Amino acid sequence: MKGGGSATEFASRRSRALIAASNYTKPTRSWSPSLKNTLHRLRCRNSLTPSLVARVIDPFLLHHSLALGFFNWAAQQPGFSHTFITYQSILKSLSCSPQFNAIDALLKQVKTQKVTLHYSIYGSIKFRPKICNSLLATLVFAGYFELAQKVFDEMSQKGVLFTTLGFGVFIWRYVRKLNWVLF
């Protein structure tokens, strides 16, 4: 990295600058246009890579608004494309708070952009019942049946409680996929 230091230190400095600048936004720690100026001042565009974006978000930007704002800002930069590593970091960050709609939108974006996610990405998501059930339903709706099956199995093994949303959608779509007739 230019200016010396490790990639982690470089990412940490960018994260700290964003967090410090976000302390002056209303509401605090939320994404705003002024944060884009901060990133431009830091010349983040010149060094933007999927690895850097992932390192800035995880473990430093665990506030969902800042993490998602930075993730979206990176996507708008010329020549930059998100990869499985950036999606893993943002999904992990969003799983720390109940951001079901954002997680759902990101998983749909992954499918649209044909980014291949490894199953291990779901291991980084915190296993809270609401998040797990939402993730299970979203995976099934998005057509990721094999991943949904693995999430279902892991939820069962870890004793995560199923809701009507998670279990119901999973079983309904699974049965439809197999063309079973229940009644």
N, C-alpha and C. Protein backbone atom coordinates (compact mmCIF):
# COMPACT_ATOMS: atom_id res chain seq x y z
N MET A 1 0.84 -1.17 0.00
CA MET A 1 0.00 0.00 0.00
C MET A 1 0.89 1.24 0.00
N LYS A 2 0.43 2.27 -0.66
CA LYS A 2 1.18 3.53 -0.70
C LYS A 2 1.25 4.10 0.71
N GLY A 3 2.40 4.65 1.03
CA GLY A 3 2.54 5.30 2.33
C GLY A 3 2.93 4.34 3.43
N GLY A 4 3.17 3.07 3.10
CA GLY A 4 3.61 2.09 4.09
C GLY A 4 2.46 1.56 4.92
N GLY A 5 2.77 0.57 5.71
CA GLY A 5 1.77 -0.02 6.58
C GLY A 5 1.08 -1.19 5.91
N SER A 6 0.42 -1.97 6.70
CA SER A 6 -0.27 -3.14 6.18
C SER A 6 -1.63 -2.76 5.59
N ALA A 7 -2.18 -3.70 4.84
CA ALA A 7 -3.50 -3.47 4.24
C ALA A 7 -4.55 -3.28 5.33
N THR A 8 -4.40 -3.99 6.44
CA THR A 8 -5.36 -3.85 7.54
C THR A 8 -5.26 -2.47 8.17
N GLU A 9 -4.05 -1.97 8.34
CA GLU A 9 -3.88 -0.61 8.89
C GLU A 9 -4.46 0.43 7.94
N PHE A 10 -4.25 0.23 6.65
CA PHE A 10 -4.76 1.13 5.63
C PHE A 10 -6.29 1.18 5.70
N ALA A 11 -6.91 0.01 5.77
CA ALA A 11 -8.37 -0.08 5.87
C ALA A 11 -8.86 0.53 7.18
N SER A 12 -8.14 0.28 8.25
CA SER A 12 -8.51 0.82 9.56
C SER A 12 -8.51 2.35 9.55
N ARG A 13 -7.50 2.95 8.91
CA ARG A 13 -7.45 4.42 8.84
C ARG A 13 -8.65 4.96 8.07
N ARG A 14 -9.04 4.29 6.99
CA ARG A 14 -10.20 4.73 6.21
C ARG A 14 -11.48 4.60 7.04
N SER A 15 -11.61 3.50 7.74
CA SER A 15 -12.78 3.28 8.59
C SER A 15 -12.88 4.31 9.69
N ARG A 16 -11.76 4.56 10.36
CA ARG A 16 -11.75 5.55 11.46
C ARG A 16 -12.11 6.93 10.94
N ALA A 17 -11.62 7.28 9.74
CA ALA A 17 -11.94 8.59 9.16
C ALA A 17 -13.44 8.69 8.87
N LEU A 18 -14.03 7.62 8.35
CA LEU A 18 -15.48 7.62 8.09
C LEU A 18 -16.28 7.72 9.38
N ILE A 19 -15.88 6.96 10.37
CA ILE A 19 -16.59 6.98 11.66
C ILE A 19 -16.49 8.37 12.29
N ALA A 20 -15.29 8.95 12.27
CA ALA A 20 -15.11 10.29 12.84
C ALA A 20 -15.96 11.31 12.10
N ALA A 21 -15.96 11.26 10.77
CA ALA A 21 -16.75 12.21 9.98
C ALA A 21 -18.25 11.99 10.20
N SER A 22 -18.65 10.74 10.42
CA SER A 22 -20.08 10.45 10.61
C SER A 22 -20.60 10.93 11.96
N ASN A 23 -19.70 11.22 12.87
CA ASN A 23 -20.13 11.76 14.17
C ASN A 23 -20.75 13.15 14.02
N TYR A 24 -20.51 13.79 12.87
CA TYR A 24 -21.06 15.12 12.61
C TYR A 24 -22.29 15.08 11.70
N THR A 25 -22.74 13.89 11.33
CA THR A 25 -23.93 13.79 10.49
C THR A 25 -25.17 13.75 11.37
N LYS A 26 -26.30 14.04 10.77
CA LYS A 26 -27.59 13.96 11.47
C LYS A 26 -28.44 12.93 10.75
N PRO A 27 -28.87 11.87 11.36
CA PRO A 27 -28.47 11.38 12.68
C PRO A 27 -27.01 10.90 12.65
N THR A 28 -26.44 10.81 13.82
CA THR A 28 -25.05 10.40 13.94
C THR A 28 -24.85 9.00 13.38
N ARG A 29 -23.67 8.76 12.88
CA ARG A 29 -23.26 7.46 12.33
C ARG A 29 -24.17 6.99 11.20
N SER A 30 -24.64 7.95 10.40
CA SER A 30 -25.43 7.57 9.23
C SER A 30 -24.72 8.07 7.98
N TRP A 31 -24.97 7.41 6.87
CA TRP A 31 -24.33 7.76 5.61
C TRP A 31 -24.89 9.07 5.10
N SER A 32 -24.03 9.93 4.60
CA SER A 32 -24.46 11.21 4.03
C SER A 32 -23.48 11.61 2.92
N PRO A 33 -23.88 12.55 2.07
CA PRO A 33 -22.98 13.01 0.99
C PRO A 33 -21.65 13.53 1.51
N SER A 34 -21.62 14.09 2.71
CA SER A 34 -20.35 14.60 3.24
C SER A 34 -19.32 13.49 3.41
N LEU A 35 -19.80 12.25 3.62
CA LEU A 35 -18.87 11.13 3.78
C LEU A 35 -18.21 10.78 2.45
N LYS A 36 -18.92 11.01 1.34
CA LYS A 36 -18.31 10.81 0.03
C LYS A 36 -17.13 11.76 -0.13
N ASN A 37 -17.30 12.99 0.33
CA ASN A 37 -16.20 13.97 0.26
C ASN A 37 -15.01 13.51 1.09
N THR A 38 -15.30 12.93 2.25
CA THR A 38 -14.23 12.40 3.10
C THR A 38 -13.44 11.33 2.35
N LEU A 39 -14.15 10.44 1.69
CA LEU A 39 -13.49 9.37 0.93
C LEU A 39 -12.67 9.92 -0.23
N HIS A 40 -13.18 10.94 -0.89
CA HIS A 40 -12.44 11.55 -1.99
C HIS A 40 -11.18 12.24 -1.48
N ARG A 41 -11.29 12.92 -0.32
CA ARG A 41 -10.13 13.57 0.29
C ARG A 41 -9.05 12.55 0.65
N LEU A 42 -9.48 11.37 1.06
CA LEU A 42 -8.54 10.31 1.43
C LEU A 42 -7.99 9.57 0.21
N ARG A 43 -8.48 9.95 -0.96
CA ARG A 43 -8.08 9.32 -2.23
C ARG A 43 -8.36 7.82 -2.24
N CYS A 44 -9.51 7.46 -1.73
CA CYS A 44 -9.89 6.05 -1.69
C CYS A 44 -10.13 5.48 -3.08
N ARG A 45 -10.57 6.32 -4.00
CA ARG A 45 -10.84 5.83 -5.35
C ARG A 45 -9.59 5.23 -5.99
N ASN A 46 -8.44 5.82 -5.69
CA ASN A 46 -7.19 5.39 -6.32
C ASN A 46 -6.74 4.01 -5.86
N SER A 47 -7.16 3.59 -4.69
CA SER A 47 -6.68 2.32 -4.13
C SER A 47 -7.81 1.33 -3.90
N LEU A 48 -8.95 1.55 -4.52
CA LEU A 48 -10.13 0.73 -4.25
C LEU A 48 -10.02 -0.66 -4.87
N THR A 49 -10.07 -1.66 -4.02
CA THR A 49 -10.09 -3.06 -4.45
C THR A 49 -11.15 -3.77 -3.63
N PRO A 50 -11.64 -4.91 -4.11
CA PRO A 50 -12.59 -5.67 -3.29
C PRO A 50 -12.05 -6.02 -1.91
N SER A 51 -10.77 -6.34 -1.84
CA SER A 51 -10.17 -6.68 -0.55
C SER A 51 -10.20 -5.49 0.40
N LEU A 52 -9.89 -4.30 -0.11
CA LEU A 52 -9.91 -3.10 0.74
C LEU A 52 -11.34 -2.80 1.21
N VAL A 53 -12.30 -2.87 0.30
CA VAL A 53 -13.70 -2.61 0.68
C VAL A 53 -14.13 -3.59 1.77
N ALA A 54 -13.81 -4.85 1.59
CA ALA A 54 -14.17 -5.86 2.60
C ALA A 54 -13.51 -5.56 3.94
N ARG A 55 -12.24 -5.14 3.91
CA ARG A 55 -11.51 -4.85 5.16
C ARG A 55 -12.00 -3.57 5.84
N VAL A 56 -12.45 -2.61 5.07
CA VAL A 56 -12.98 -1.38 5.67
C VAL A 56 -14.30 -1.70 6.37
N ILE A 57 -15.13 -2.52 5.73
CA ILE A 57 -16.44 -2.85 6.32
C ILE A 57 -16.30 -3.79 7.51
N ASP A 58 -15.55 -4.85 7.36
CA ASP A 58 -15.45 -5.87 8.40
C ASP A 58 -14.00 -6.00 8.83
N PRO A 59 -13.68 -5.68 10.03
CA PRO A 59 -14.51 -5.59 11.22
C PRO A 59 -14.80 -4.17 11.68
N PHE A 60 -14.46 -3.15 10.89
CA PHE A 60 -14.51 -1.78 11.39
C PHE A 60 -15.86 -1.10 11.28
N LEU A 61 -16.56 -1.23 10.15
CA LEU A 61 -17.83 -0.52 9.96
C LEU A 61 -19.01 -1.44 10.25
N LEU A 62 -19.23 -1.72 11.50
CA LEU A 62 -20.33 -2.61 11.85
C LEU A 62 -21.66 -1.87 12.01
N HIS A 63 -21.67 -0.56 11.84
CA HIS A 63 -22.93 0.18 11.84
C HIS A 63 -23.50 0.05 10.44
N HIS A 64 -24.72 -0.46 10.34
CA HIS A 64 -25.28 -0.81 9.04
C HIS A 64 -25.35 0.35 8.05
N SER A 65 -25.67 1.54 8.50
CA SER A 65 -25.79 2.68 7.59
C SER A 65 -24.44 3.03 6.97
N LEU A 66 -23.40 3.08 7.79
CA LEU A 66 -22.07 3.39 7.27
C LEU A 66 -21.55 2.29 6.36
N ALA A 67 -21.74 1.05 6.77
CA ALA A 67 -21.26 -0.07 5.97
C ALA A 67 -21.96 -0.11 4.61
N LEU A 68 -23.28 0.02 4.62
CA LEU A 68 -24.04 -0.04 3.36
C LEU A 68 -23.74 1.19 2.50
N GLY A 69 -23.58 2.34 3.11
CA GLY A 69 -23.24 3.55 2.36
C GLY A 69 -21.89 3.40 1.67
N PHE A 70 -20.91 2.90 2.40
CA PHE A 70 -19.58 2.70 1.82
C PHE A 70 -19.63 1.65 0.72
N PHE A 71 -20.35 0.57 0.96
CA PHE A 71 -20.50 -0.51 -0.03
C PHE A 71 -21.11 0.04 -1.32
N ASN A 72 -22.17 0.82 -1.19
CA ASN A 72 -22.83 1.40 -2.37
C ASN A 72 -21.94 2.45 -3.06
N TRP A 73 -21.22 3.24 -2.26
CA TRP A 73 -20.29 4.22 -2.83
C TRP A 73 -19.23 3.51 -3.68
N ALA A 74 -18.68 2.43 -3.15
CA ALA A 74 -17.65 1.67 -3.87
C ALA A 74 -18.19 1.17 -5.21
N ALA A 75 -19.44 0.69 -5.21
CA ALA A 75 -20.03 0.16 -6.44
C ALA A 75 -20.14 1.22 -7.53
N GLN A 76 -20.21 2.47 -7.15
CA GLN A 76 -20.36 3.56 -8.11
C GLN A 76 -19.03 4.06 -8.67
N GLN A 77 -17.93 3.55 -8.16
CA GLN A 77 -16.63 4.04 -8.60
C GLN A 77 -16.22 3.36 -9.91
N PRO A 78 -15.66 4.14 -10.82
CA PRO A 78 -15.26 3.60 -12.13
C PRO A 78 -14.31 2.40 -11.99
N GLY A 79 -14.63 1.35 -12.70
CA GLY A 79 -13.77 0.17 -12.73
C GLY A 79 -13.89 -0.76 -11.54
N PHE A 80 -14.76 -0.44 -10.60
CA PHE A 80 -14.89 -1.29 -9.41
C PHE A 80 -16.10 -2.21 -9.54
N SER A 81 -15.93 -3.46 -9.14
CA SER A 81 -17.04 -4.42 -9.08
C SER A 81 -16.94 -5.19 -7.77
N HIS A 82 -18.09 -5.40 -7.17
CA HIS A 82 -18.12 -6.20 -5.94
C HIS A 82 -17.86 -7.66 -6.27
N THR A 83 -17.28 -8.35 -5.30
CA THR A 83 -17.01 -9.78 -5.43
C THR A 83 -17.60 -10.49 -4.22
N PHE A 84 -17.41 -11.80 -4.18
CA PHE A 84 -17.94 -12.56 -3.05
C PHE A 84 -17.38 -12.04 -1.72
N ILE A 85 -16.15 -11.56 -1.70
CA ILE A 85 -15.55 -11.10 -0.44
C ILE A 85 -16.21 -9.81 0.07
N THR A 86 -16.59 -8.91 -0.85
CA THR A 86 -17.26 -7.68 -0.41
C THR A 86 -18.68 -8.00 0.03
N TYR A 87 -19.34 -8.92 -0.67
CA TYR A 87 -20.69 -9.32 -0.25
C TYR A 87 -20.65 -10.00 1.12
N GLN A 88 -19.64 -10.80 1.36
CA GLN A 88 -19.54 -11.46 2.67
C GLN A 88 -19.39 -10.42 3.77
N SER A 89 -18.55 -9.41 3.55
CA SER A 89 -18.34 -8.41 4.60
C SER A 89 -19.61 -7.59 4.86
N ILE A 90 -20.33 -7.21 3.81
CA ILE A 90 -21.53 -6.40 4.03
C ILE A 90 -22.65 -7.23 4.65
N LEU A 91 -22.79 -8.48 4.23
CA LEU A 91 -23.81 -9.34 4.83
C LEU A 91 -23.52 -9.58 6.32
N LYS A 92 -22.27 -9.73 6.65
CA LYS A 92 -21.90 -9.91 8.06
C LYS A 92 -22.23 -8.65 8.86
N SER A 93 -21.91 -7.49 8.30
CA SER A 93 -22.20 -6.24 8.99
C SER A 93 -23.70 -6.05 9.18
N LEU A 94 -24.47 -6.31 8.13
CA LEU A 94 -25.92 -6.12 8.22
C LEU A 94 -26.58 -7.12 9.17
N SER A 95 -25.95 -8.27 9.35
CA SER A 95 -26.54 -9.27 10.24
C SER A 95 -26.42 -8.88 11.71
N CYS A 96 -25.62 -7.85 12.00
CA CYS A 96 -25.48 -7.38 13.38
C CYS A 96 -26.67 -6.54 13.82
N SER A 97 -27.51 -6.13 12.88
CA SER A 97 -28.72 -5.37 13.20
C SER A 97 -29.84 -5.90 12.31
N PRO A 98 -31.07 -5.70 12.68
CA PRO A 98 -32.17 -6.29 11.91
C PRO A 98 -32.44 -5.56 10.59
N GLN A 99 -31.57 -5.74 9.63
CA GLN A 99 -31.70 -5.08 8.33
C GLN A 99 -32.14 -6.09 7.28
N PHE A 100 -33.32 -6.69 7.50
CA PHE A 100 -33.80 -7.77 6.65
C PHE A 100 -33.99 -7.32 5.20
N ASN A 101 -34.54 -6.14 4.99
CA ASN A 101 -34.78 -5.66 3.63
C ASN A 101 -33.46 -5.45 2.88
N ALA A 102 -32.47 -4.94 3.56
CA ALA A 102 -31.16 -4.72 2.93
C ALA A 102 -30.51 -6.06 2.60
N ILE A 103 -30.59 -7.02 3.49
CA ILE A 103 -30.03 -8.36 3.24
C ILE A 103 -30.75 -8.99 2.05
N ASP A 104 -32.06 -8.88 2.03
CA ASP A 104 -32.87 -9.42 0.93
C ASP A 104 -32.45 -8.78 -0.39
N ALA A 105 -32.32 -7.46 -0.41
CA ALA A 105 -31.94 -6.75 -1.64
C ALA A 105 -30.54 -7.15 -2.09
N LEU A 106 -29.61 -7.32 -1.15
CA LEU A 106 -28.26 -7.73 -1.52
C LEU A 106 -28.23 -9.13 -2.10
N LEU A 107 -28.99 -10.05 -1.52
CA LEU A 107 -29.01 -11.41 -2.06
C LEU A 107 -29.62 -11.44 -3.47
N LYS A 108 -30.60 -10.61 -3.70
CA LYS A 108 -31.16 -10.51 -5.06
C LYS A 108 -30.13 -9.91 -6.01
N GLN A 109 -29.38 -8.93 -5.54
CA GLN A 109 -28.34 -8.30 -6.35
C GLN A 109 -27.25 -9.33 -6.70
N VAL A 110 -26.89 -10.17 -5.74
CA VAL A 110 -25.91 -11.22 -5.97
C VAL A 110 -26.36 -12.12 -7.12
N LYS A 111 -27.62 -12.49 -7.07
CA LYS A 111 -28.15 -13.38 -8.11
C LYS A 111 -28.18 -12.68 -9.47
N THR A 112 -28.65 -11.44 -9.50
CA THR A 112 -28.73 -10.67 -10.74
C THR A 112 -27.35 -10.50 -11.36
N GLN A 113 -26.35 -10.21 -10.54
CA GLN A 113 -25.00 -9.98 -11.04
C GLN A 113 -24.22 -11.28 -11.23
N LYS A 114 -24.87 -12.40 -10.92
CA LYS A 114 -24.27 -13.73 -11.09
C LYS A 114 -22.95 -13.88 -10.34
N VAL A 115 -22.93 -13.33 -9.12
CA VAL A 115 -21.77 -13.51 -8.24
C VAL A 115 -21.96 -14.84 -7.54
N THR A 116 -20.94 -15.65 -7.54
CA THR A 116 -21.02 -16.96 -6.90
C THR A 116 -20.61 -16.81 -5.44
N LEU A 117 -21.53 -17.13 -4.56
CA LEU A 117 -21.25 -17.09 -3.13
C LEU A 117 -20.98 -18.51 -2.65
N HIS A 118 -19.98 -18.64 -1.86
CA HIS A 118 -19.69 -19.93 -1.25
C HIS A 118 -20.57 -20.07 -0.01
N TYR A 119 -20.94 -21.29 0.30
CA TYR A 119 -21.79 -21.52 1.46
C TYR A 119 -21.20 -20.93 2.73
N SER A 120 -19.88 -20.91 2.85
CA SER A 120 -19.24 -20.40 4.07
C SER A 120 -19.61 -18.95 4.37
N ILE A 121 -20.07 -18.22 3.35
CA ILE A 121 -20.47 -16.84 3.58
C ILE A 121 -21.60 -16.76 4.61
N TYR A 122 -22.47 -17.75 4.61
CA TYR A 122 -23.59 -17.73 5.54
C TYR A 122 -23.16 -18.07 6.95
N GLY A 123 -21.99 -18.68 7.10
CA GLY A 123 -21.45 -18.95 8.42
C GLY A 123 -21.00 -17.68 9.13
N SER A 124 -20.75 -16.62 8.35
CA SER A 124 -20.30 -15.36 8.96
C SER A 124 -21.48 -14.54 9.47
N ILE A 125 -22.68 -14.93 9.11
CA ILE A 125 -23.86 -14.19 9.53
C ILE A 125 -24.29 -14.67 10.91
N LYS A 126 -24.55 -13.74 11.78
CA LYS A 126 -24.96 -14.07 13.15
C LYS A 126 -26.26 -14.87 13.13
N PHE A 127 -26.31 -15.94 13.91
CA PHE A 127 -27.48 -16.81 13.90
C PHE A 127 -28.53 -16.37 14.91
N ARG A 128 -29.24 -15.31 14.56
CA ARG A 128 -30.40 -14.86 15.31
C ARG A 128 -31.63 -15.41 14.60
N PRO A 129 -32.64 -15.86 15.34
CA PRO A 129 -33.79 -16.47 14.68
C PRO A 129 -34.43 -15.63 13.58
N LYS A 130 -34.66 -14.34 13.81
CA LYS A 130 -35.30 -13.51 12.79
C LYS A 130 -34.44 -13.43 11.53
N ILE A 131 -33.16 -13.23 11.71
CA ILE A 131 -32.25 -13.12 10.57
C ILE A 131 -32.16 -14.44 9.82
N CYS A 132 -32.04 -15.53 10.56
CA CYS A 132 -31.94 -16.85 9.92
C CYS A 132 -33.19 -17.17 9.12
N ASN A 133 -34.35 -16.93 9.70
CA ASN A 133 -35.60 -17.23 9.00
C ASN A 133 -35.79 -16.34 7.78
N SER A 134 -35.41 -15.09 7.90
CA SER A 134 -35.48 -14.17 6.77
C SER A 134 -34.51 -14.62 5.67
N LEU A 135 -33.31 -14.99 6.06
CA LEU A 135 -32.32 -15.47 5.12
C LEU A 135 -32.81 -16.74 4.42
N LEU A 136 -33.37 -17.65 5.18
CA LEU A 136 -33.89 -18.90 4.61
C LEU A 136 -34.97 -18.61 3.56
N ALA A 137 -35.92 -17.75 3.90
CA ALA A 137 -36.99 -17.40 2.96
C ALA A 137 -36.42 -16.69 1.73
N THR A 138 -35.48 -15.79 1.94
CA THR A 138 -34.89 -15.04 0.83
C THR A 138 -34.13 -15.96 -0.12
N LEU A 139 -33.36 -16.88 0.44
CA LEU A 139 -32.62 -17.82 -0.41
C LEU A 139 -33.56 -18.67 -1.26
N VAL A 140 -34.64 -19.12 -0.66
CA VAL A 140 -35.59 -19.95 -1.40
C VAL A 140 -36.25 -19.12 -2.51
N PHE A 141 -36.71 -17.91 -2.18
CA PHE A 141 -37.35 -17.05 -3.19
C PHE A 141 -36.39 -16.71 -4.32
N ALA A 142 -35.11 -16.56 -3.99
CA ALA A 142 -34.11 -16.19 -5.01
C ALA A 142 -33.67 -17.40 -5.83
N GLY A 143 -34.13 -18.59 -5.45
CA GLY A 143 -33.81 -19.79 -6.21
C GLY A 143 -32.55 -20.51 -5.77
N TYR A 144 -31.99 -20.14 -4.63
CA TYR A 144 -30.81 -20.80 -4.10
C TYR A 144 -31.24 -21.98 -3.22
N PHE A 145 -31.83 -23.01 -3.82
CA PHE A 145 -32.39 -24.12 -3.05
C PHE A 145 -31.32 -24.91 -2.29
N GLU A 146 -30.16 -25.14 -2.92
CA GLU A 146 -29.11 -25.91 -2.25
C GLU A 146 -28.58 -25.15 -1.04
N LEU A 147 -28.36 -23.84 -1.20
CA LEU A 147 -27.90 -23.04 -0.07
C LEU A 147 -28.97 -22.96 1.02
N ALA A 148 -30.22 -22.83 0.60
CA ALA A 148 -31.32 -22.78 1.57
C ALA A 148 -31.36 -24.08 2.37
N GLN A 149 -31.14 -25.21 1.69
CA GLN A 149 -31.13 -26.50 2.38
C GLN A 149 -30.02 -26.55 3.42
N LYS A 150 -28.85 -26.01 3.07
CA LYS A 150 -27.73 -25.99 4.02
C LYS A 150 -28.02 -25.07 5.20
N VAL A 151 -28.63 -23.93 4.94
CA VAL A 151 -29.00 -23.02 6.04
C VAL A 151 -30.05 -23.69 6.92
N PHE A 152 -31.03 -24.33 6.31
CA PHE A 152 -32.06 -25.06 7.05
C PHE A 152 -31.42 -26.12 7.95
N ASP A 153 -30.49 -26.90 7.38
CA ASP A 153 -29.82 -27.95 8.16
C ASP A 153 -29.02 -27.35 9.32
N GLU A 154 -28.31 -26.26 9.05
CA GLU A 154 -27.51 -25.64 10.10
C GLU A 154 -28.40 -25.05 11.20
N MET A 155 -29.53 -24.45 10.80
CA MET A 155 -30.46 -23.93 11.79
C MET A 155 -30.98 -25.06 12.67
N SER A 156 -31.30 -26.18 12.05
CA SER A 156 -31.78 -27.35 12.80
C SER A 156 -30.73 -27.84 13.78
N GLN A 157 -29.48 -27.94 13.31
CA GLN A 157 -28.39 -28.43 14.15
C GLN A 157 -28.10 -27.49 15.31
N LYS A 158 -28.22 -26.18 15.09
CA LYS A 158 -27.90 -25.20 16.13
C LYS A 158 -29.11 -24.89 17.02
N GLY A 159 -30.25 -25.49 16.70
CA GLY A 159 -31.44 -25.28 17.52
C GLY A 159 -32.09 -23.92 17.34
N VAL A 160 -31.89 -23.30 16.18
CA VAL A 160 -32.51 -22.01 15.90
C VAL A 160 -33.99 -22.24 15.64
N LEU A 161 -34.83 -21.47 16.33
CA LEU A 161 -36.27 -21.63 16.18
C LEU A 161 -36.73 -21.17 14.80
N PHE A 162 -37.61 -21.97 14.20
CA PHE A 162 -38.18 -21.62 12.90
C PHE A 162 -39.45 -20.80 13.10
N THR A 163 -39.68 -19.88 12.17
CA THR A 163 -40.93 -19.12 12.16
C THR A 163 -41.75 -19.58 10.96
N THR A 164 -42.97 -19.11 10.91
CA THR A 164 -43.81 -19.42 9.77
C THR A 164 -43.17 -18.93 8.49
N LEU A 165 -42.56 -17.76 8.56
CA LEU A 165 -41.89 -17.21 7.38
C LEU A 165 -40.79 -18.15 6.89
N GLY A 166 -39.84 -18.45 7.75
CA GLY A 166 -38.70 -19.27 7.35
C GLY A 166 -39.10 -20.68 6.96
N PHE A 167 -39.71 -21.39 7.89
CA PHE A 167 -40.07 -22.78 7.65
C PHE A 167 -41.16 -22.90 6.60
N GLY A 168 -42.18 -22.04 6.71
CA GLY A 168 -43.30 -22.13 5.78
C GLY A 168 -42.89 -21.90 4.34
N VAL A 169 -42.14 -20.84 4.10
CA VAL A 169 -41.69 -20.54 2.74
C VAL A 169 -40.75 -21.62 2.23
N PHE A 170 -39.86 -22.09 3.10
CA PHE A 170 -38.92 -23.13 2.70
C PHE A 170 -39.67 -24.39 2.26
N ILE A 171 -40.57 -24.86 3.08
CA ILE A 171 -41.31 -26.09 2.75
C ILE A 171 -42.20 -25.88 1.53
N TRP A 172 -42.90 -24.74 1.48
CA TRP A 172 -43.80 -24.46 0.35
C TRP A 172 -43.03 -24.48 -0.97
N ARG A 173 -41.90 -23.76 -1.03
CA ARG A 173 -41.12 -23.73 -2.27
C ARG A 173 -40.45 -25.06 -2.56
N TYR A 174 -40.01 -25.73 -1.53
CA TYR A 174 -39.36 -27.02 -1.72
C TYR A 174 -40.34 -28.03 -2.31
N VAL A 175 -41.54 -28.05 -1.77
CA VAL A 175 -42.58 -28.95 -2.27
C VAL A 175 -42.93 -28.60 -3.72
N ARG A 176 -43.05 -27.32 -4.01
CA ARG A 176 -43.34 -26.89 -5.38
C ARG A 176 -42.23 -27.28 -6.34
N LYS A 177 -41.00 -27.19 -5.88
CA LYS A 177 -39.85 -27.57 -6.72
C LYS A 177 -39.93 -29.05 -7.06
N LEU A 178 -40.34 -29.85 -6.11
CA LEU A 178 -40.42 -31.30 -6.34
C LEU A 178 -41.72 -31.71 -7.02
N ASN A 179 -42.62 -30.73 -7.23
CA ASN A 179 -43.93 -30.98 -7.85
C ASN A 179 -44.76 -31.99 -7.07
N TRP A 180 -44.64 -31.93 -5.75
CA TRP A 180 -45.48 -32.79 -4.92
C TRP A 180 -46.85 -32.18 -4.81
N VAL A 181 -47.83 -33.04 -4.65
CA VAL A 181 -49.19 -32.60 -4.37
C VAL A 181 -49.48 -32.99 -2.93
N LEU A 182 -49.78 -31.98 -2.10
CA LEU A 182 -50.01 -32.26 -0.69
C LEU A 182 -51.43 -32.72 -0.41
N PHE A 183 -52.38 -32.21 -1.13
CA PHE A 183 -53.77 -32.56 -0.84
C PHE A 183 -54.46 -33.02 -2.08
